[in-house]
Amino acid sequence: MKGLTQDAQTVSPQMVTPQAVAMRTLAAGLKHVVAYTKGVLGEDAYDKYVAYHRTVHDDAAPMTVKEFWRDKTDREGSNPQGRCC
């Protein structure tokens, strides 16, 4: 940063406040809650598909996001299993 000394650019461990630690802990917890919620709601389904596709079919390109969701909803519509509606 321009105009700051080396000491002003680094934060010593003594300067870390309990509030900063609490905020980091809260942020980390919230990150896990968001990841869990995405898993429960199925929002991470495309990411899981791409990871699986790369391990099994590394020579072929995976479906696009739009193609994936269209295929998923078509399969669910033609073969309803454990849905509420």
C-alpha atoms as a PDB file:
ATOM      1  CA  MET A   1       0.000   0.000   0.000  1.00  0.00           C
ATOM      2  CA  LYS A   2       1.356   3.372  -0.920  1.00  0.00           C
ATOM      3  CA  GLY A   3       2.369   5.644   1.919  1.00  0.00           C
ATOM      4  CA  LEU A   4       2.236   3.029   4.678  1.00  0.00           C
ATOM      5  CA  THR A   5       5.233   1.694   6.511  1.00  0.00           C
ATOM      6  CA  GLN A   6       5.941  -2.019   6.663  1.00  0.00           C
ATOM      7  CA  ASP A   7       4.663  -2.143  10.259  1.00  0.00           C
ATOM      8  CA  ALA A   8       1.330  -0.583   9.295  1.00  0.00           C
ATOM      9  CA  GLN A   9       0.774  -3.133   6.514  1.00  0.00           C
ATOM     10  CA  THR A  10       1.001  -6.196   8.763  1.00  0.00           C
ATOM     11  CA  VAL A  11      -1.299  -7.023  11.637  1.00  0.00           C
ATOM     12  CA  SER A  12       0.328  -8.506  14.682  1.00  0.00           C
ATOM     13  CA  PRO A  13      -1.436 -11.312  16.572  1.00  0.00           C
ATOM     14  CA  GLN A  14      -1.791  -8.999  19.584  1.00  0.00           C
ATOM     15  CA  MET A  15      -4.012  -6.671  17.519  1.00  0.00           C
ATOM     16  CA  VAL A  16      -6.618  -9.335  16.746  1.00  0.00           C
ATOM     17  CA  THR A  17      -9.714  -8.505  18.742  1.00  0.00           C
ATOM     18  CA  PRO A  18     -12.206 -11.017  20.126  1.00  0.00           C
ATOM     19  CA  GLN A  19     -14.825  -9.454  17.860  1.00  0.00           C
ATOM     20  CA  ALA A  20     -12.682 -10.196  14.792  1.00  0.00           C
ATOM     21  CA  VAL A  21     -12.258 -13.809  15.887  1.00  0.00           C
ATOM     22  CA  ALA A  22     -15.999 -14.101  16.495  1.00  0.00           C
ATOM     23  CA  MET A  23     -16.776 -12.663  13.058  1.00  0.00           C
ATOM     24  CA  ARG A  24     -14.389 -15.107  11.361  1.00  0.00           C
ATOM     25  CA  THR A  25     -15.943 -17.999  13.275  1.00  0.00           C
ATOM     26  CA  LEU A  26     -19.430 -16.826  12.380  1.00  0.00           C
ATOM     27  CA  ALA A  27     -18.471 -16.440   8.709  1.00  0.00           C
ATOM     28  CA  ALA A  28     -16.980 -19.943   8.620  1.00  0.00           C
ATOM     29  CA  GLY A  29     -20.120 -21.373  10.237  1.00  0.00           C
ATOM     30  CA  LEU A  30     -22.371 -19.532   7.823  1.00  0.00           C
ATOM     31  CA  LYS A  31     -20.341 -20.878   4.907  1.00  0.00           C
ATOM     32  CA  HIS A  32     -21.016 -24.426   6.112  1.00  0.00           C
ATOM     33  CA  VAL A  33     -24.731 -23.713   6.583  1.00  0.00           C
ATOM     34  CA  VAL A  34     -24.973 -22.367   3.027  1.00  0.00           C
ATOM     35  CA  ALA A  35     -23.153 -25.420   1.623  1.00  0.00           C
ATOM     36  CA  TYR A  36     -25.442 -27.772   3.571  1.00  0.00           C
ATOM     37  CA  THR A  37     -28.563 -25.927   2.420  1.00  0.00           C
ATOM     38  CA  LYS A  38     -27.445 -26.066  -1.207  1.00  0.00           C
ATOM     39  CA  GLY A  39     -26.943 -29.810  -0.833  1.00  0.00           C
ATOM     40  CA  VAL A  40     -30.375 -30.354   0.696  1.00  0.00           C
ATOM     41  CA  LEU A  41     -32.105 -28.259  -1.959  1.00  0.00           C
ATOM     42  CA  GLY A  42     -30.130 -29.830  -4.818  1.00  0.00           C
ATOM     43  CA  GLU A  43     -28.511 -26.599  -5.965  1.00  0.00           C
ATOM     44  CA  ASP A  44     -25.106 -28.296  -6.020  1.00  0.00           C
ATOM     45  CA  ALA A  45     -26.331 -31.068  -8.337  1.00  0.00           C
ATOM     46  CA  TYR A  46     -24.612 -29.620 -11.411  1.00  0.00           C
ATOM     47  CA  ASP A  47     -21.286 -29.276  -9.604  1.00  0.00           C
ATOM     48  CA  LYS A  48     -21.538 -32.905  -8.476  1.00  0.00           C
ATOM     49  CA  TYR A  49     -22.425 -33.954 -12.022  1.00  0.00           C
ATOM     50  CA  VAL A  50     -19.405 -32.180 -13.502  1.00  0.00           C
ATOM     51  CA  ALA A  51     -17.056 -33.713 -10.913  1.00  0.00           C
ATOM     52  CA  TYR A  52     -18.460 -37.177 -11.612  1.00  0.00           C
ATOM     53  CA  HIS A  53     -18.374 -36.647 -15.380  1.00  0.00           C
ATOM     54  CA  ARG A  54     -14.700 -35.667 -15.280  1.00  0.00           C
ATOM     55  CA  THR A  55     -13.767 -38.841 -13.406  1.00  0.00           C
ATOM     56  CA  VAL A  56     -15.798 -41.218 -15.577  1.00  0.00           C
ATOM     57  CA  HIS A  57     -15.975 -39.549 -19.008  1.00  0.00           C
ATOM     58  CA  ASP A  58     -12.826 -37.466 -19.187  1.00  0.00           C
ATOM     59  CA  ASP A  59     -12.773 -37.522 -23.004  1.00  0.00           C
ATOM     60  CA  ALA A  60     -16.255 -36.027 -23.551  1.00  0.00           C
ATOM     61  CA  ALA A  61     -17.469 -32.545 -22.693  1.00  0.00           C
ATOM     62  CA  PRO A  62     -20.094 -32.365 -19.928  1.00  0.00           C
ATOM     63  CA  MET A  63     -23.552 -30.925 -20.539  1.00  0.00           C
ATOM     64  CA  THR A  64     -23.993 -27.208 -20.091  1.00  0.00           C
ATOM     65  CA  VAL A  65     -25.843 -25.969 -17.015  1.00  0.00           C
ATOM     66  CA  LYS A  66     -28.999 -25.405 -19.053  1.00  0.00           C
ATOM     67  CA  GLU A  67     -28.793 -28.861 -20.678  1.00  0.00           C
ATOM     68  CA  PHE A  68     -28.180 -30.492 -17.298  1.00  0.00           C
ATOM     69  CA  TRP A  69     -31.210 -28.937 -15.612  1.00  0.00           C
ATOM     70  CA  ARG A  70     -33.438 -29.640 -18.626  1.00  0.00           C
ATOM     71  CA  ASP A  71     -32.343 -33.301 -18.611  1.00  0.00           C
ATOM     72  CA  LYS A  72     -32.786 -33.557 -14.839  1.00  0.00           C
ATOM     73  CA  THR A  73     -36.310 -32.099 -14.856  1.00  0.00           C
ATOM     74  CA  ASP A  74     -37.294 -34.246 -17.854  1.00  0.00           C
ATOM     75  CA  ARG A  75     -36.100 -37.406 -16.079  1.00  0.00           C
ATOM     76  CA  GLU A  76     -37.879 -36.423 -12.851  1.00  0.00           C
ATOM     77  CA  GLY A  77     -41.074 -35.628 -14.740  1.00  0.00           C
ATOM     78  CA  SER A  78     -41.146 -38.945 -16.570  1.00  0.00           C
ATOM     79  CA  ASN A  79     -40.155 -40.994 -13.516  1.00  0.00           C
ATOM     80  CA  PRO A  80     -41.578 -39.390 -10.342  1.00  0.00           C
ATOM     81  CA  GLN A  81     -40.247 -41.058  -7.222  1.00  0.00           C
ATOM     82  CA  GLY A  82     -39.847 -39.322  -3.899  1.00  0.00           C
ATOM     83  CA  ARG A  83     -41.289 -35.911  -4.692  1.00  0.00           C
ATOM     84  CA  CYS A  84     -43.775 -34.012  -2.626  1.00  0.00           C
ATOM     85  CA  CYS A  85     -45.762 -32.571  -5.550  1.00  0.00           C
END
